[in-house]
Amino acid sequence: MASRLERHEAKYRSLKAQLDEIGFISPGSLVVRETSCGKPGCRCKGDPPQRHGPYLQWSRTRAGRTESRRLNEHEAELYREWIDDRRRLERIVAEMEQVSESASEILLRRARSERR
């Protein structure tokens, strides 16, 4: 039977291997937007308004400012993948931190007992 430390080491190696599967990453989110243009007499000003769109839009915040970009379907699919990879990376790193914390407690206990 594997020791607790060996199980933590195996789990950490598994998580580390999962990092190799992650491609490009991107922060932000994708949304579908409909807009009004402001031209007098346009359908978007009617009652009820018929807005323009739908348009795919990626946005993120950088240095306190919102950055956004209108995308075509292919670009949106790329961003979906990159955003998903970013979230997956964050989950893996959080789990690695938990495993590291548990393993470090074991290693520190061993080091203390060896000094005695």
PDB file of N, CA and C in Angstrom:
ATOM      1  N   MET A   1       0.845  -1.181   0.000  1.00  0.00           N
ATOM      2  CA  MET A   1       0.000   0.000   0.000  1.00  0.00           C
ATOM      3  C   MET A   1       0.892   1.247   0.000  1.00  0.00           C
ATOM      4  N   ALA A   2       0.528   2.201  -0.841  1.00  0.00           N
ATOM      5  CA  ALA A   2       1.303   3.432  -0.960  1.00  0.00           C
ATOM      6  C   ALA A   2       1.070   4.329   0.252  1.00  0.00           C
ATOM      7  N   SER A   3       2.132   4.998   0.654  1.00  0.00           N
ATOM      8  CA  SER A   3       2.009   5.935   1.771  1.00  0.00           C
ATOM      9  C   SER A   3       1.226   7.166   1.311  1.00  0.00           C
ATOM     10  N   ARG A   4       0.806   7.959   2.285  1.00  0.00           N
ATOM     11  CA  ARG A   4       0.070   9.189   1.947  1.00  0.00           C
ATOM     12  C   ARG A   4       0.921  10.105   1.074  1.00  0.00           C
ATOM     13  N   LEU A   5       2.204  10.207   1.412  1.00  0.00           N
ATOM     14  CA  LEU A   5       3.090  11.065   0.632  1.00  0.00           C
ATOM     15  C   LEU A   5       3.206  10.551  -0.806  1.00  0.00           C
ATOM     16  N   GLU A   6       3.333   9.247  -0.972  1.00  0.00           N
ATOM     17  CA  GLU A   6       3.421   8.680  -2.323  1.00  0.00           C
ATOM     18  C   GLU A   6       2.143   8.943  -3.116  1.00  0.00           C
ATOM     19  N   ARG A   7       1.002   8.882  -2.447  1.00  0.00           N
ATOM     20  CA  ARG A   7      -0.270   9.181  -3.127  1.00  0.00           C
ATOM     21  C   ARG A   7      -0.309  10.651  -3.554  1.00  0.00           C
ATOM     22  N   HIS A   8       0.170  11.529  -2.679  1.00  0.00           N
ATOM     23  CA  HIS A   8       0.225  12.953  -3.032  1.00  0.00           C
ATOM     24  C   HIS A   8       1.175  13.181  -4.215  1.00  0.00           C
ATOM     25  N   GLU A   9       2.315  12.500  -4.195  1.00  0.00           N
ATOM     26  CA  GLU A   9       3.279  12.648  -5.291  1.00  0.00           C
ATOM     27  C   GLU A   9       2.689  12.149  -6.605  1.00  0.00           C
ATOM     28  N   ALA A  10       1.976  11.027  -6.558  1.00  0.00           N
ATOM     29  CA  ALA A  10       1.346  10.483  -7.768  1.00  0.00           C
ATOM     30  C   ALA A  10       0.267  11.432  -8.290  1.00  0.00           C
ATOM     31  N   LYS A  11      -0.527  11.971  -7.389  1.00  0.00           N
ATOM     32  CA  LYS A  11      -1.571  12.917  -7.784  1.00  0.00           C
ATOM     33  C   LYS A  11      -0.946  14.158  -8.414  1.00  0.00           C
ATOM     34  N   TYR A  12       0.129  14.647  -7.825  1.00  0.00           N
ATOM     35  CA  TYR A  12       0.804  15.837  -8.343  1.00  0.00           C
ATOM     36  C   TYR A  12       1.362  15.571  -9.744  1.00  0.00           C
ATOM     37  N   ARG A  13       1.962  14.391  -9.944  1.00  0.00           N
ATOM     38  CA  ARG A  13       2.477  14.036 -11.275  1.00  0.00           C
ATOM     39  C   ARG A  13       1.342  13.986 -12.297  1.00  0.00           C
ATOM     40  N   SER A  14       0.201  13.446 -11.883  1.00  0.00           N
ATOM     41  CA  SER A  14      -0.965  13.375 -12.768  1.00  0.00           C
ATOM     42  C   SER A  14      -1.444  14.773 -13.158  1.00  0.00           C
ATOM     43  N   LEU A  15      -1.512  15.662 -12.186  1.00  0.00           N
ATOM     44  CA  LEU A  15      -1.931  17.037 -12.465  1.00  0.00           C
ATOM     45  C   LEU A  15      -0.927  17.734 -13.384  1.00  0.00           C
ATOM     46  N   LYS A  16       0.351  17.483 -13.131  1.00  0.00           N
ATOM     47  CA  LYS A  16       1.405  18.080 -13.947  1.00  0.00           C
ATOM     48  C   LYS A  16       1.288  17.618 -15.400  1.00  0.00           C
ATOM     49  N   ALA A  17       0.952  16.346 -15.595  1.00  0.00           N
ATOM     50  CA  ALA A  17       0.768  15.814 -16.946  1.00  0.00           C
ATOM     51  C   ALA A  17      -0.431  16.472 -17.635  1.00  0.00           C
ATOM     52  N   GLN A  18      -1.461  16.793 -16.863  1.00  0.00           N
ATOM     53  CA  GLN A  18      -2.639  17.453 -17.439  1.00  0.00           C
ATOM     54  C   GLN A  18      -2.299  18.845 -17.968  1.00  0.00           C
ATOM     55  N   LEU A  19      -1.291  19.473 -17.392  1.00  0.00           N
ATOM     56  CA  LEU A  19      -0.877  20.796 -17.865  1.00  0.00           C
ATOM     57  C   LEU A  19      -0.387  20.740 -19.313  1.00  0.00           C
ATOM     58  N   ASP A  20       0.220  19.614 -19.703  1.00  0.00           N
ATOM     59  CA  ASP A  20       0.710  19.464 -21.074  1.00  0.00           C
ATOM     60  C   ASP A  20      -0.417  19.477 -22.099  1.00  0.00           C
ATOM     61  N   GLU A  21      -1.626  19.154 -21.674  1.00  0.00           N
ATOM     62  CA  GLU A  21      -2.769  19.084 -22.586  1.00  0.00           C
ATOM     63  C   GLU A  21      -3.395  20.456 -22.838  1.00  0.00           C
ATOM     64  N   ILE A  22      -2.981  21.443 -22.077  1.00  0.00           N
ATOM     65  CA  ILE A  22      -3.581  22.772 -22.192  1.00  0.00           C
ATOM     66  C   ILE A  22      -2.902  23.544 -23.318  1.00  0.00           C
ATOM     67  N   GLY A  23      -3.726  24.132 -24.170  1.00  0.00           N
ATOM     68  CA  GLY A  23      -3.216  24.941 -25.274  1.00  0.00           C
ATOM     69  C   GLY A  23      -3.136  26.402 -24.872  1.00  0.00           C
ATOM     70  N   PHE A  24      -3.363  27.271 -25.835  1.00  0.00           N
ATOM     71  CA  PHE A  24      -3.351  28.700 -25.556  1.00  0.00           C
ATOM     72  C   PHE A  24      -4.461  29.041 -24.572  1.00  0.00           C
ATOM     73  N   ILE A  25      -4.241  30.098 -23.804  1.00  0.00           N
ATOM     74  CA  ILE A  25      -5.229  30.516 -22.806  1.00  0.00           C
ATOM     75  C   ILE A  25      -5.588  31.979 -23.023  1.00  0.00           C
ATOM     76  N   SER A  26      -6.793  32.309 -22.586  1.00  0.00           N
ATOM     77  CA  SER A  26      -7.233  33.703 -22.667  1.00  0.00           C
ATOM     78  C   SER A  26      -8.166  33.997 -21.510  1.00  0.00           C
ATOM     79  N   PRO A  27      -8.014  35.161 -20.900  1.00  0.00           N
ATOM     80  CA  PRO A  27      -8.999  35.587 -19.909  1.00  0.00           C
ATOM     81  C   PRO A  27     -10.226  36.121 -20.634  1.00  0.00           C
ATOM     82  N   GLY A  28     -11.255  36.405 -19.896  1.00  0.00           N
ATOM     83  CA  GLY A  28     -12.413  37.073 -20.470  1.00  0.00           C
ATOM     84  C   GLY A  28     -13.609  36.165 -20.633  1.00  0.00           C
ATOM     85  N   SER A  29     -14.576  36.676 -21.388  1.00  0.00           N
ATOM     86  CA  SER A  29     -15.807  35.924 -21.621  1.00  0.00           C
ATOM     87  C   SER A  29     -16.366  36.271 -22.992  1.00  0.00           C
ATOM     88  N   LEU A  30     -17.211  35.370 -23.481  1.00  0.00           N
ATOM     89  CA  LEU A  30     -17.909  35.580 -24.743  1.00  0.00           C
ATOM     90  C   LEU A  30     -19.364  35.870 -24.446  1.00  0.00           C
ATOM     91  N   VAL A  31     -19.910  36.827 -25.155  1.00  0.00           N
ATOM     92  CA  VAL A  31     -21.329  37.148 -25.008  1.00  0.00           C
ATOM     93  C   VAL A  31     -21.929  37.366 -26.390  1.00  0.00           C
ATOM     94  N   VAL A  32     -23.246  37.217 -26.456  1.00  0.00           N
ATOM     95  CA  VAL A  32     -23.985  37.528 -27.675  1.00  0.00           C
ATOM     96  C   VAL A  32     -24.661  38.868 -27.443  1.00  0.00           C
ATOM     97  N   ARG A  33     -24.443  39.800 -28.342  1.00  0.00           N
ATOM     98  CA  ARG A  33     -24.974  41.155 -28.196  1.00  0.00           C
ATOM     99  C   ARG A  33     -25.903  41.494 -29.355  1.00  0.00           C
ATOM    100  N   GLU A  34     -26.874  42.316 -29.053  1.00  0.00           N
ATOM    101  CA  GLU A  34     -27.702  42.963 -30.064  1.00  0.00           C
ATOM    102  C   GLU A  34     -27.573  44.456 -29.812  1.00  0.00           C
ATOM    103  N   THR A  35     -27.515  45.238 -30.879  1.00  0.00           N
ATOM    104  CA  THR A  35     -27.246  46.663 -30.705  1.00  0.00           C
ATOM    105  C   THR A  35     -28.289  47.541 -31.387  1.00  0.00           C
ATOM    106  N   SER A  36     -28.309  48.785 -30.976  1.00  0.00           N
ATOM    107  CA  SER A  36     -29.088  49.836 -31.631  1.00  0.00           C
ATOM    108  C   SER A  36     -28.093  50.791 -32.274  1.00  0.00           C
ATOM    109  N   CYS A  37     -28.393  51.225 -33.498  1.00  0.00           N
ATOM    110  CA  CYS A  37     -27.424  52.044 -34.230  1.00  0.00           C
ATOM    111  C   CYS A  37     -27.593  53.543 -34.010  1.00  0.00           C
ATOM    112  N   GLY A  38     -28.779  53.998 -33.713  1.00  0.00           N
ATOM    113  CA  GLY A  38     -28.984  55.421 -33.503  1.00  0.00           C
ATOM    114  C   GLY A  38     -29.441  56.185 -34.735  1.00  0.00           C
ATOM    115  N   LYS A  39     -29.529  55.528 -35.900  1.00  0.00           N
ATOM    116  CA  LYS A  39     -29.993  56.219 -37.108  1.00  0.00           C
ATOM    117  C   LYS A  39     -31.497  56.463 -37.013  1.00  0.00           C
ATOM    118  N   PRO A  40     -31.954  57.653 -37.306  1.00  0.00           N
ATOM    119  CA  PRO A  40     -33.399  57.919 -37.265  1.00  0.00           C
ATOM    120  C   PRO A  40     -34.117  57.060 -38.313  1.00  0.00           C
ATOM    121  N   GLY A  41     -35.256  56.529 -37.934  1.00  0.00           N
ATOM    122  CA  GLY A  41     -36.054  55.723 -38.852  1.00  0.00           C
ATOM    123  C   GLY A  41     -35.598  54.286 -38.997  1.00  0.00           C
ATOM    124  N   CYS A  42     -34.516  53.894 -38.343  1.00  0.00           N
ATOM    125  CA  CYS A  42     -34.031  52.516 -38.431  1.00  0.00           C
ATOM    126  C   CYS A  42     -34.964  51.599 -37.651  1.00  0.00           C
ATOM    127  N   ARG A  43     -35.005  50.333 -38.049  1.00  0.00           N
ATOM    128  CA  ARG A  43     -35.858  49.351 -37.375  1.00  0.00           C
ATOM    129  C   ARG A  43     -35.512  49.203 -35.899  1.00  0.00           C
ATOM    130  N   CYS A  44     -34.269  49.512 -35.538  1.00  0.00           N
ATOM    131  CA  CYS A  44     -33.879  49.384 -34.130  1.00  0.00           C
ATOM    132  C   CYS A  44     -34.514  50.472 -33.270  1.00  0.00           C
ATOM    133  N   LYS A  45     -35.118  51.482 -33.921  1.00  0.00           N
ATOM    134  CA  LYS A  45     -35.805  52.551 -33.185  1.00  0.00           C
ATOM    135  C   LYS A  45     -37.321  52.353 -33.186  1.00  0.00           C
ATOM    136  N   GLY A  46     -37.785  51.282 -33.835  1.00  0.00           N
ATOM    137  CA  GLY A  46     -39.226  51.043 -33.959  1.00  0.00           C
ATOM    138  C   GLY A  46     -39.870  50.651 -32.644  1.00  0.00           C
ATOM    139  N   ASP A  47     -41.172  50.403 -32.736  1.00  0.00           N
ATOM    140  CA  ASP A  47     -41.919  49.975 -31.552  1.00  0.00           C
ATOM    141  C   ASP A  47     -42.652  48.700 -31.908  1.00  0.00           C
ATOM    142  N   PRO A  48     -42.227  47.550 -31.508  1.00  0.00           N
ATOM    143  CA  PRO A  48     -41.066  47.288 -30.649  1.00  0.00           C
ATOM    144  C   PRO A  48     -39.765  47.373 -31.451  1.00  0.00           C
ATOM    145  N   PRO A  49     -38.660  47.686 -30.784  1.00  0.00           N
ATOM    146  CA  PRO A  49     -37.386  47.795 -31.495  1.00  0.00           C
ATOM    147  C   PRO A  49     -36.909  46.434 -31.998  1.00  0.00           C
ATOM    148  N   GLN A  50     -36.353  46.425 -33.200  1.00  0.00           N
ATOM    149  CA  GLN A  50     -35.733  45.219 -33.767  1.00  0.00           C
ATOM    150  C   GLN A  50     -34.240  45.508 -33.866  1.00  0.00           C
ATOM    151  N   ARG A  51     -33.527  45.071 -32.887  1.00  0.00           N
ATOM    152  CA  ARG A  51     -32.103  45.402 -32.795  1.00  0.00           C
ATOM    153  C   ARG A  51     -31.279  44.693 -33.857  1.00  0.00           C
ATOM    154  N   HIS A  52     -30.095  45.214 -34.084  1.00  0.00           N
ATOM    155  CA  HIS A  52     -29.146  44.621 -35.023  1.00  0.00           C
ATOM    156  C   HIS A  52     -28.397  43.492 -34.317  1.00  0.00           C
ATOM    157  N   GLY A  53     -28.081  42.460 -35.052  1.00  0.00           N
ATOM    158  CA  GLY A  53     -27.344  41.347 -34.465  1.00  0.00           C
ATOM    159  C   GLY A  53     -28.090  40.060 -34.655  1.00  0.00           C
ATOM    160  N   PRO A  54     -27.762  39.053 -33.965  1.00  0.00           N
ATOM    161  CA  PRO A  54     -26.834  39.004 -32.834  1.00  0.00           C
ATOM    162  C   PRO A  54     -25.366  39.012 -33.286  1.00  0.00           C
ATOM    163  N   TYR A  55     -24.518  39.575 -32.431  1.00  0.00           N
ATOM    164  CA  TYR A  55     -23.087  39.636 -32.663  1.00  0.00           C
ATOM    165  C   TYR A  55     -22.375  38.935 -31.507  1.00  0.00           C
ATOM    166  N   LEU A  56     -21.325  38.203 -31.854  1.00  0.00           N
ATOM    167  CA  LEU A  56     -20.498  37.567 -30.826  1.00  0.00           C
ATOM    168  C   LEU A  56     -19.433  38.565 -30.393  1.00  0.00           C
ATOM    169  N   GLN A  57     -19.223  38.650 -29.089  1.00  0.00           N
ATOM    170  CA  GLN A  57     -18.253  39.617 -28.572  1.00  0.00           C
ATOM    171  C   GLN A  57     -17.440  38.985 -27.450  1.00  0.00           C
ATOM    172  N   TRP A  58     -16.135  39.184 -27.508  1.00  0.00           N
ATOM    173  CA  TRP A  58     -15.223  38.774 -26.441  1.00  0.00           C
ATOM    174  C   TRP A  58     -14.867  40.030 -25.666  1.00  0.00           C
ATOM    175  N   SER A  59     -14.835  39.918 -24.343  1.00  0.00           N
ATOM    176  CA  SER A  59     -14.405  41.064 -23.541  1.00  0.00           C
ATOM    177  C   SER A  59     -13.630  40.599 -22.326  1.00  0.00           C
ATOM    178  N   ARG A  60     -12.769  41.493 -21.877  1.00  0.00           N
ATOM    179  CA  ARG A  60     -11.978  41.251 -20.673  1.00  0.00           C
ATOM    180  C   ARG A  60     -11.611  42.591 -20.077  1.00  0.00           C
ATOM    181  N   THR A  61     -11.118  42.544 -18.846  1.00  0.00           N
ATOM    182  CA  THR A  61     -10.654  43.755 -18.183  1.00  0.00           C
ATOM    183  C   THR A  61      -9.140  43.682 -18.047  1.00  0.00           C
ATOM    184  N   ARG A  62      -8.481  44.755 -18.461  1.00  0.00           N
ATOM    185  CA  ARG A  62      -7.025  44.839 -18.331  1.00  0.00           C
ATOM    186  C   ARG A  62      -6.700  46.214 -17.764  1.00  0.00           C
ATOM    187  N   ALA A  63      -5.968  46.219 -16.669  1.00  0.00           N
ATOM    188  CA  ALA A  63      -5.565  47.468 -16.006  1.00  0.00           C
ATOM    189  C   ALA A  63      -6.772  48.362 -15.735  1.00  0.00           C
ATOM    190  N   GLY A  64      -7.869  47.740 -15.293  1.00  0.00           N
ATOM    191  CA  GLY A  64      -9.053  48.497 -14.918  1.00  0.00           C
ATOM    192  C   GLY A  64      -9.911  48.975 -16.074  1.00  0.00           C
ATOM    193  N   ARG A  65      -9.539  48.623 -17.289  1.00  0.00           N
ATOM    194  CA  ARG A  65     -10.307  49.048 -18.466  1.00  0.00           C
ATOM    195  C   ARG A  65     -10.866  47.822 -19.182  1.00  0.00           C
ATOM    196  N   THR A  66     -12.089  47.943 -19.679  1.00  0.00           N
ATOM    197  CA  THR A  66     -12.704  46.851 -20.424  1.00  0.00           C
ATOM    198  C   THR A  66     -12.244  46.908 -21.871  1.00  0.00           C
ATOM    199  N   GLU A  67     -11.804  45.766 -22.350  1.00  0.00           N
ATOM    200  CA  GLU A  67     -11.368  45.622 -23.737  1.00  0.00           C
ATOM    201  C   GLU A  67     -12.337  44.639 -24.383  1.00  0.00           C
ATOM    202  N   SER A  68     -12.873  44.966 -25.545  1.00  0.00           N
ATOM    203  CA  SER A  68     -13.795  44.042 -26.204  1.00  0.00           C
ATOM    204  C   SER A  68     -13.522  44.010 -27.699  1.00  0.00           C
ATOM    205  N   ARG A  69     -13.959  42.907 -28.296  1.00  0.00           N
ATOM    206  CA  ARG A  69     -13.711  42.687 -29.711  1.00  0.00           C
ATOM    207  C   ARG A  69     -14.891  41.923 -30.296  1.00  0.00           C
ATOM    208  N   ARG A  70     -15.400  42.367 -31.428  1.00  0.00           N
ATOM    209  CA  ARG A  70     -16.461  41.646 -32.125  1.00  0.00           C
ATOM    210  C   ARG A  70     -15.810  40.512 -32.915  1.00  0.00           C
ATOM    211  N   LEU A  71     -16.435  39.338 -32.885  1.00  0.00           N
ATOM    212  CA  LEU A  71     -15.841  38.143 -33.478  1.00  0.00           C
ATOM    213  C   LEU A  71     -16.769  37.493 -34.492  1.00  0.00           C
ATOM    214  N   ASN A  72     -16.164  36.805 -35.464  1.00  0.00           N
ATOM    215  CA  ASN A  72     -16.964  35.930 -36.314  1.00  0.00           C
ATOM    216  C   ASN A  72     -17.057  34.567 -35.617  1.00  0.00           C
ATOM    217  N   GLU A  73     -17.825  33.653 -36.166  1.00  0.00           N
ATOM    218  CA  GLU A  73     -18.061  32.364 -35.497  1.00  0.00           C
ATOM    219  C   GLU A  73     -16.766  31.573 -35.292  1.00  0.00           C
ATOM    220  N   HIS A  74     -15.882  31.573 -36.280  1.00  0.00           N
ATOM    221  CA  HIS A  74     -14.615  30.845 -36.150  1.00  0.00           C
ATOM    222  C   HIS A  74     -13.755  31.435 -35.029  1.00  0.00           C
ATOM    223  N   GLU A  75     -13.653  32.748 -34.989  1.00  0.00           N
ATOM    224  CA  GLU A  75     -12.882  33.405 -33.928  1.00  0.00           C
ATOM    225  C   GLU A  75     -13.493  33.125 -32.557  1.00  0.00           C
ATOM    226  N   ALA A  76     -14.816  33.141 -32.489  1.00  0.00           N
ATOM    227  CA  ALA A  76     -15.496  32.866 -31.218  1.00  0.00           C
ATOM    228  C   ALA A  76     -15.188  31.453 -30.742  1.00  0.00           C
ATOM    229  N   GLU A  77     -15.139  30.500 -31.669  1.00  0.00           N
ATOM    230  CA  GLU A  77     -14.823  29.118 -31.294  1.00  0.00           C
ATOM    231  C   GLU A  77     -13.405  29.026 -30.735  1.00  0.00           C
ATOM    232  N   LEU A  78     -12.463  29.744 -31.334  1.00  0.00           N
ATOM    233  CA  LEU A  78     -11.092  29.772 -30.806  1.00  0.00           C
ATOM    234  C   LEU A  78     -11.070  30.355 -29.395  1.00  0.00           C
ATOM    235  N   TYR A  79     -11.758  31.467 -29.207  1.00  0.00           N
ATOM    236  CA  TYR A  79     -11.798  32.089 -27.880  1.00  0.00           C
ATOM    237  C   TYR A  79     -12.467  31.176 -26.854  1.00  0.00           C
ATOM    238  N   ARG A  80     -13.523  30.463 -27.259  1.00  0.00           N
ATOM    239  CA  ARG A  80     -14.166  29.518 -26.327  1.00  0.00           C
ATOM    240  C   ARG A  80     -13.150  28.499 -25.821  1.00  0.00           C
ATOM    241  N   GLU A  81     -12.369  27.962 -26.761  1.00  0.00           N
ATOM    242  CA  GLU A  81     -11.343  26.975 -26.404  1.00  0.00           C
ATOM    243  C   GLU A  81     -10.298  27.592 -25.474  1.00  0.00           C
ATOM    244  N   TRP A  82      -9.837  28.792 -25.795  1.00  0.00           N
ATOM    245  CA  TRP A  82      -8.804  29.446 -24.983  1.00  0.00           C
ATOM    246  C   TRP A  82      -9.321  29.795 -23.590  1.00  0.00           C
ATOM    247  N   ILE A  83     -10.554  30.251 -23.517  1.00  0.00           N
ATOM    248  CA  ILE A  83     -11.148  30.584 -22.216  1.00  0.00           C
ATOM    249  C   ILE A  83     -11.350  29.322 -21.390  1.00  0.00           C
ATOM    250  N   ASP A  84     -11.827  28.241 -22.034  1.00  0.00           N
ATOM    251  CA  ASP A  84     -11.978  26.962 -21.331  1.00  0.00           C
ATOM    252  C   ASP A  84     -10.632  26.460 -20.822  1.00  0.00           C
ATOM    253  N   ASP A  85      -9.581  26.590 -21.653  1.00  0.00           N
ATOM    254  CA  ASP A  85      -8.247  26.163 -21.225  1.00  0.00           C
ATOM    255  C   ASP A  85      -7.758  26.999 -20.052  1.00  0.00           C
ATOM    256  N   ARG A  86      -8.059  28.274 -20.055  1.00  0.00           N
ATOM    257  CA  ARG A  86      -7.661  29.141 -18.933  1.00  0.00           C
ATOM    258  C   ARG A  86      -8.333  28.683 -17.643  1.00  0.00           C
ATOM    259  N   ARG A  87      -9.628  28.395 -17.713  1.00  0.00           N
ATOM    260  CA  ARG A  87     -10.354  27.933 -16.521  1.00  0.00           C
ATOM    261  C   ARG A  87      -9.827  26.584 -16.046  1.00  0.00           C
ATOM    262  N   ARG A  88      -9.535  25.711 -17.005  1.00  0.00           N
ATOM    263  CA  ARG A  88      -8.984  24.397 -16.648  1.00  0.00           C
ATOM    264  C   ARG A  88      -7.617  24.561 -15.977  1.00  0.00           C
ATOM    265  N   LEU A  89      -6.782  25.431 -16.519  1.00  0.00           N
ATOM    266  CA  LEU A  89      -5.471  25.711 -15.926  1.00  0.00           C
ATOM    267  C   LEU A  89      -5.624  26.182 -14.486  1.00  0.00           C
ATOM    268  N   GLU A  90      -6.544  27.086 -14.247  1.00  0.00           N
ATOM    269  CA  GLU A  90      -6.758  27.607 -12.892  1.00  0.00           C
ATOM    270  C   GLU A  90      -7.215  26.505 -11.941  1.00  0.00           C
ATOM    271  N   ARG A  91      -8.095  25.607 -12.423  1.00  0.00           N
ATOM    272  CA  ARG A  91      -8.545  24.490 -11.572  1.00  0.00           C
ATOM    273  C   ARG A  91      -7.395  23.548 -11.243  1.00  0.00           C
ATOM    274  N   ILE A  92      -6.573  23.232 -12.254  1.00  0.00           N
ATOM    275  CA  ILE A  92      -5.444  22.324 -12.034  1.00  0.00           C
ATOM    276  C   ILE A  92      -4.454  22.937 -11.052  1.00  0.00           C
ATOM    277  N   VAL A  93      -4.117  24.200 -11.233  1.00  0.00           N
ATOM    278  CA  VAL A  93      -3.160  24.866 -10.337  1.00  0.00           C
ATOM    279  C   VAL A  93      -3.707  24.913  -8.912  1.00  0.00           C
ATOM    280  N   ALA A  94      -4.994  25.186  -8.754  1.00  0.00           N
ATOM    281  CA  ALA A  94      -5.593  25.204  -7.411  1.00  0.00           C
ATOM    282  C   ALA A  94      -5.486  23.826  -6.766  1.00  0.00           C
ATOM    283  N   GLU A  95      -5.719  22.779  -7.554  1.00  0.00           N
ATOM    284  CA  GLU A  95      -5.613  21.424  -7.011  1.00  0.00           C
ATOM    285  C   GLU A  95      -4.157  21.086  -6.687  1.00  0.00           C
ATOM    286  N   MET A  96      -3.223  21.544  -7.522  1.00  0.00           N
ATOM    287  CA  MET A  96      -1.799  21.325  -7.241  1.00  0.00           C
ATOM    288  C   MET A  96      -1.400  21.996  -5.927  1.00  0.00           C
ATOM    289  N   GLU A  97      -1.937  23.175  -5.681  1.00  0.00           N
ATOM    290  CA  GLU A  97      -1.645  23.875  -4.425  1.00  0.00           C
ATOM    291  C   GLU A  97      -2.155  23.082  -3.230  1.00  0.00           C
ATOM    292  N   GLN A  98      -3.350  22.506  -3.348  1.00  0.00           N
ATOM    293  CA  GLN A  98      -3.905  21.713  -2.247  1.00  0.00           C
ATOM    294  C   GLN A  98      -3.059  20.471  -1.990  1.00  0.00           C
ATOM    295  N   VAL A  99      -2.672  19.777  -3.068  1.00  0.00           N
ATOM    296  CA  VAL A  99      -1.844  18.577  -2.926  1.00  0.00           C
ATOM    297  C   VAL A  99      -0.496  18.958  -2.323  1.00  0.00           C
ATOM    298  N   SER A 100       0.081  20.054  -2.787  1.00  0.00           N
ATOM    299  CA  SER A 100       1.375  20.511  -2.259  1.00  0.00           C
ATOM    300  C   SER A 100       1.288  20.835  -0.776  1.00  0.00           C
ATOM    301  N   GLU A 101       0.205  21.472  -0.387  1.00  0.00           N
ATOM    302  CA  GLU A 101       0.027  21.814   1.025  1.00  0.00           C
ATOM    303  C   GLU A 101      -0.041  20.557   1.885  1.00  0.00           C
ATOM    304  N   SER A 102      -0.805  19.569   1.435  1.00  0.00           N
ATOM    305  CA  SER A 102      -0.910  18.316   2.193  1.00  0.00           C
ATOM    306  C   SER A 102       0.432  17.596   2.256  1.00  0.00           C
ATOM    307  N   ALA A 103       1.137  17.551   1.131  1.00  0.00           N
ATOM    308  CA  ALA A 103       2.438  16.884   1.096  1.00  0.00           C
ATOM    309  C   ALA A 103       3.450  17.631   1.957  1.00  0.00           C
ATOM    310  N   SER A 104       3.401  18.950   1.937  1.00  0.00           N
ATOM    311  CA  SER A 104       4.367  19.722   2.731  1.00  0.00           C
ATOM    312  C   SER A 104       4.174  19.484   4.220  1.00  0.00           C
ATOM    313  N   GLU A 105       2.936  19.306   4.652  1.00  0.00           N
ATOM    314  CA  GLU A 105       2.693  19.009   6.069  1.00  0.00           C
ATOM    315  C   GLU A 105       3.358  17.696   6.467  1.00  0.00           C
ATOM    316  N   ILE A 106       3.257  16.699   5.605  1.00  0.00           N
ATOM    317  CA  ILE A 106       3.892  15.403   5.873  1.00  0.00           C
ATOM    318  C   ILE A 106       5.407  15.567   5.915  1.00  0.00           C
ATOM    319  N   LEU A 107       5.963  16.261   4.931  1.00  0.00           N
ATOM    320  CA  LEU A 107       7.415  16.438   4.862  1.00  0.00           C
ATOM    321  C   LEU A 107       7.950  17.253   6.037  1.00  0.00           C
ATOM    322  N   LEU A 108       7.213  18.279   6.442  1.00  0.00           N
ATOM    323  CA  LEU A 108       7.650  19.083   7.586  1.00  0.00           C
ATOM    324  C   LEU A 108       7.597  18.275   8.881  1.00  0.00           C
ATOM    325  N   ARG A 109       6.555  17.464   9.033  1.00  0.00           N
ATOM    326  CA  ARG A 109       6.481  16.599  10.221  1.00  0.00           C
ATOM    327  C   ARG A 109       7.668  15.646  10.262  1.00  0.00           C
ATOM    328  N   ARG A 110       8.006  15.072   9.107  1.00  0.00           N
ATOM    329  CA  ARG A 110       9.159  14.159   9.038  1.00  0.00           C
ATOM    330  C   ARG A 110      10.448  14.889   9.409  1.00  0.00           C
ATOM    331  N   ALA A 111      10.623  16.081   8.877  1.00  0.00           N
ATOM    332  CA  ALA A 111      11.848  16.844   9.146  1.00  0.00           C
ATOM    333  C   ALA A 111      11.971  17.168  10.628  1.00  0.00           C
ATOM    334  N   ARG A 112      10.847  17.512  11.254  1.00  0.00           N
ATOM    335  CA  ARG A 112      10.874  17.820  12.689  1.00  0.00           C
ATOM    336  C   ARG A 112      11.230  16.582  13.511  1.00  0.00           C
ATOM    337  N   SER A 113      10.652  15.452  13.141  1.00  0.00           N
ATOM    338  CA  SER A 113      10.913  14.233  13.913  1.00  0.00           C
ATOM    339  C   SER A 113      12.343  13.735  13.700  1.00  0.00           C
ATOM    340  N   GLU A 114      12.936  13.996  12.539  1.00  0.00           N
ATOM    341  CA  GLU A 114      14.317  13.581  12.276  1.00  0.00           C
ATOM    342  C   GLU A 114      15.314  14.434  13.052  1.00  0.00           C
ATOM    343  N   ARG A 115      14.951  15.681  13.365  1.00  0.00           N
ATOM    344  CA  ARG A 115      15.838  16.567  14.119  1.00  0.00           C
ATOM    345  C   ARG A 115      15.906  16.178  15.582  1.00  0.00           C
ATOM    346  N   ARG A 116      14.947  15.462  16.050  1.00  0.00           N
ATOM    347  CA  ARG A 116      14.906  15.109  17.482  1.00  0.00           C
ATOM    348  C   ARG A 116      15.868  14.034  17.824  1.00  0.00           C
TER     349      ARG A 116
END
